Amino acid sequence: MSAIITVNLNTHDANCKRHPRYTIVSAMTDYISHTFPGHCTAIRALRKKDAIFNEVCEDYEEMCTWLAAQSCSIDPDSKECRQAREIIRDLEEEIIQKLEHTK
């Protein structure tokens, strides 16, 4: 799933900044960069060389995008939303472990 959203171009990690002409980017960099500030360069490099890590990041982005879309629904605490948050936490742990392992 690829989503297009508007993001804040002022990030903490200079390597996450986008070209000033582009204000719409894929959600992938938005959720990843906001959850893991300061790690954009390492994440980008790992995604290029590790297909499994790339899939984990894609799954993370898809789940975050889905959950964000559900936040306006009648029941954001539904079973599906709770499961999505659990999956997101698991994926975050996988990303953190990989980042720590490659230091």
Protein backbone atom coordinates (compact mmCIF):
# COMPACT_ATOMS: atom_id res chain seq x y z
CA MET A 1 0.00 0.00 0.00
CA SER A 2 1.43 3.40 -0.80
CA ALA A 3 -0.11 6.48 0.67
CA ILE A 4 0.54 10.10 -0.14
CA ILE A 5 0.36 12.65 2.62
CA THR A 6 1.66 16.12 3.39
CA VAL A 7 4.49 16.15 5.88
CA ASN A 8 6.39 18.73 7.87
CA LEU A 9 9.61 19.45 6.00
CA ASN A 10 11.44 20.55 9.13
CA THR A 11 12.82 17.36 10.61
CA HIS A 12 15.47 16.92 13.28
CA ASP A 13 17.74 14.84 11.07
CA ALA A 14 19.14 16.81 8.14
CA ASN A 15 19.24 13.61 6.10
CA CYS A 16 15.44 13.34 6.33
CA LYS A 17 14.75 16.75 4.81
CA ARG A 18 12.97 16.83 1.50
CA HIS A 19 13.61 19.10 -1.41
CA PRO A 20 11.74 22.35 -0.65
CA ARG A 21 9.68 22.08 -3.84
CA TYR A 22 8.13 18.80 -2.73
CA THR A 23 5.54 19.01 0.02
CA ILE A 24 3.88 15.68 -0.72
CA VAL A 25 5.89 12.55 -0.06
CA SER A 26 5.10 8.94 0.65
CA ALA A 27 3.98 8.16 4.16
CA MET A 28 6.92 5.82 4.55
CA THR A 29 9.41 8.51 5.42
CA ASP A 30 6.92 10.38 7.59
CA TYR A 31 6.15 7.65 10.13
CA ILE A 32 9.67 6.25 10.16
CA SER A 33 11.37 9.64 10.54
CA HIS A 34 9.00 10.79 13.28
CA THR A 35 9.25 7.54 15.23
CA PHE A 36 13.01 7.15 14.82
CA PRO A 37 14.43 10.70 14.63
CA GLY A 38 18.14 10.77 14.01
CA HIS A 39 18.19 7.33 12.38
CA CYS A 40 17.02 8.21 8.87
CA THR A 41 20.41 7.68 7.24
CA ALA A 42 20.88 4.28 8.88
CA ILE A 43 17.33 3.21 8.08
CA ARG A 44 17.64 4.29 4.45
CA ALA A 45 20.92 2.37 4.08
CA LEU A 46 19.51 -0.77 5.74
CA ARG A 47 16.40 -0.69 3.58
CA LYS A 48 18.56 -0.66 0.46
CA LYS A 49 20.68 -3.64 1.47
CA ASP A 50 18.33 -5.77 3.60
CA ALA A 51 15.12 -6.91 1.90
CA ILE A 52 13.64 -8.28 5.13
CA PHE A 53 14.27 -5.02 6.99
CA ASN A 54 12.69 -3.16 4.09
CA GLU A 55 9.59 -5.36 4.37
CA VAL A 56 9.40 -4.69 8.11
CA CYS A 57 9.52 -0.94 7.41
CA GLU A 58 6.85 -1.26 4.72
CA ASP A 59 4.63 -3.25 7.09
CA TYR A 60 5.17 -0.60 9.77
CA GLU A 61 4.17 2.19 7.40
CA GLU A 62 1.09 0.30 6.23
CA MET A 63 -0.08 -0.36 9.77
CA CYS A 64 0.55 3.24 10.88
CA THR A 65 -1.31 4.55 7.83
CA TRP A 66 -4.23 2.20 8.46
CA LEU A 67 -4.41 3.10 12.15
CA ALA A 68 -4.27 6.83 11.41
CA ALA A 69 -7.19 6.43 9.02
CA GLN A 70 -9.15 4.60 11.73
CA SER A 71 -8.65 7.35 14.32
CA CYS A 72 -11.70 9.17 12.97
CA SER A 73 -13.92 6.12 13.10
CA ILE A 74 -16.67 5.59 15.66
CA ASP A 75 -14.63 3.14 17.75
CA PRO A 76 -10.86 3.79 17.70
CA ASP A 77 -10.51 1.28 20.54
CA SER A 78 -11.98 -1.54 18.51
CA LYS A 79 -10.37 -4.97 18.50
CA GLU A 80 -8.82 -4.24 15.07
CA CYS A 81 -7.27 -0.96 16.27
CA ARG A 82 -5.86 -2.62 19.39
CA GLN A 83 -4.37 -5.40 17.25
CA ALA A 84 -2.89 -2.82 14.87
CA ARG A 85 -1.23 -0.99 17.77
CA GLU A 86 0.21 -4.28 19.02
CA ILE A 87 1.60 -5.10 15.58
CA ILE A 88 3.06 -1.59 15.32
CA ARG A 89 4.84 -2.04 18.68
CA ASP A 90 6.24 -5.40 17.51
CA LEU A 91 7.47 -3.87 14.26
CA GLU A 92 9.05 -0.95 16.15
CA GLU A 93 10.92 -3.46 18.32
CA GLU A 94 12.20 -5.24 15.20
CA ILE A 95 13.40 -1.95 13.71
CA ILE A 96 15.12 -0.94 16.97
CA GLN A 97 16.82 -4.34 17.28
CA LYS A 98 18.14 -4.11 13.74
CA LEU A 99 19.39 -0.55 14.29
CA GLU A 100 21.15 -1.57 17.50
CA HIS A 101 22.64 -4.67 15.88
CA THR A 102 24.17 -2.65 13.02
CA LYS A 103 25.86 0.02 15.20
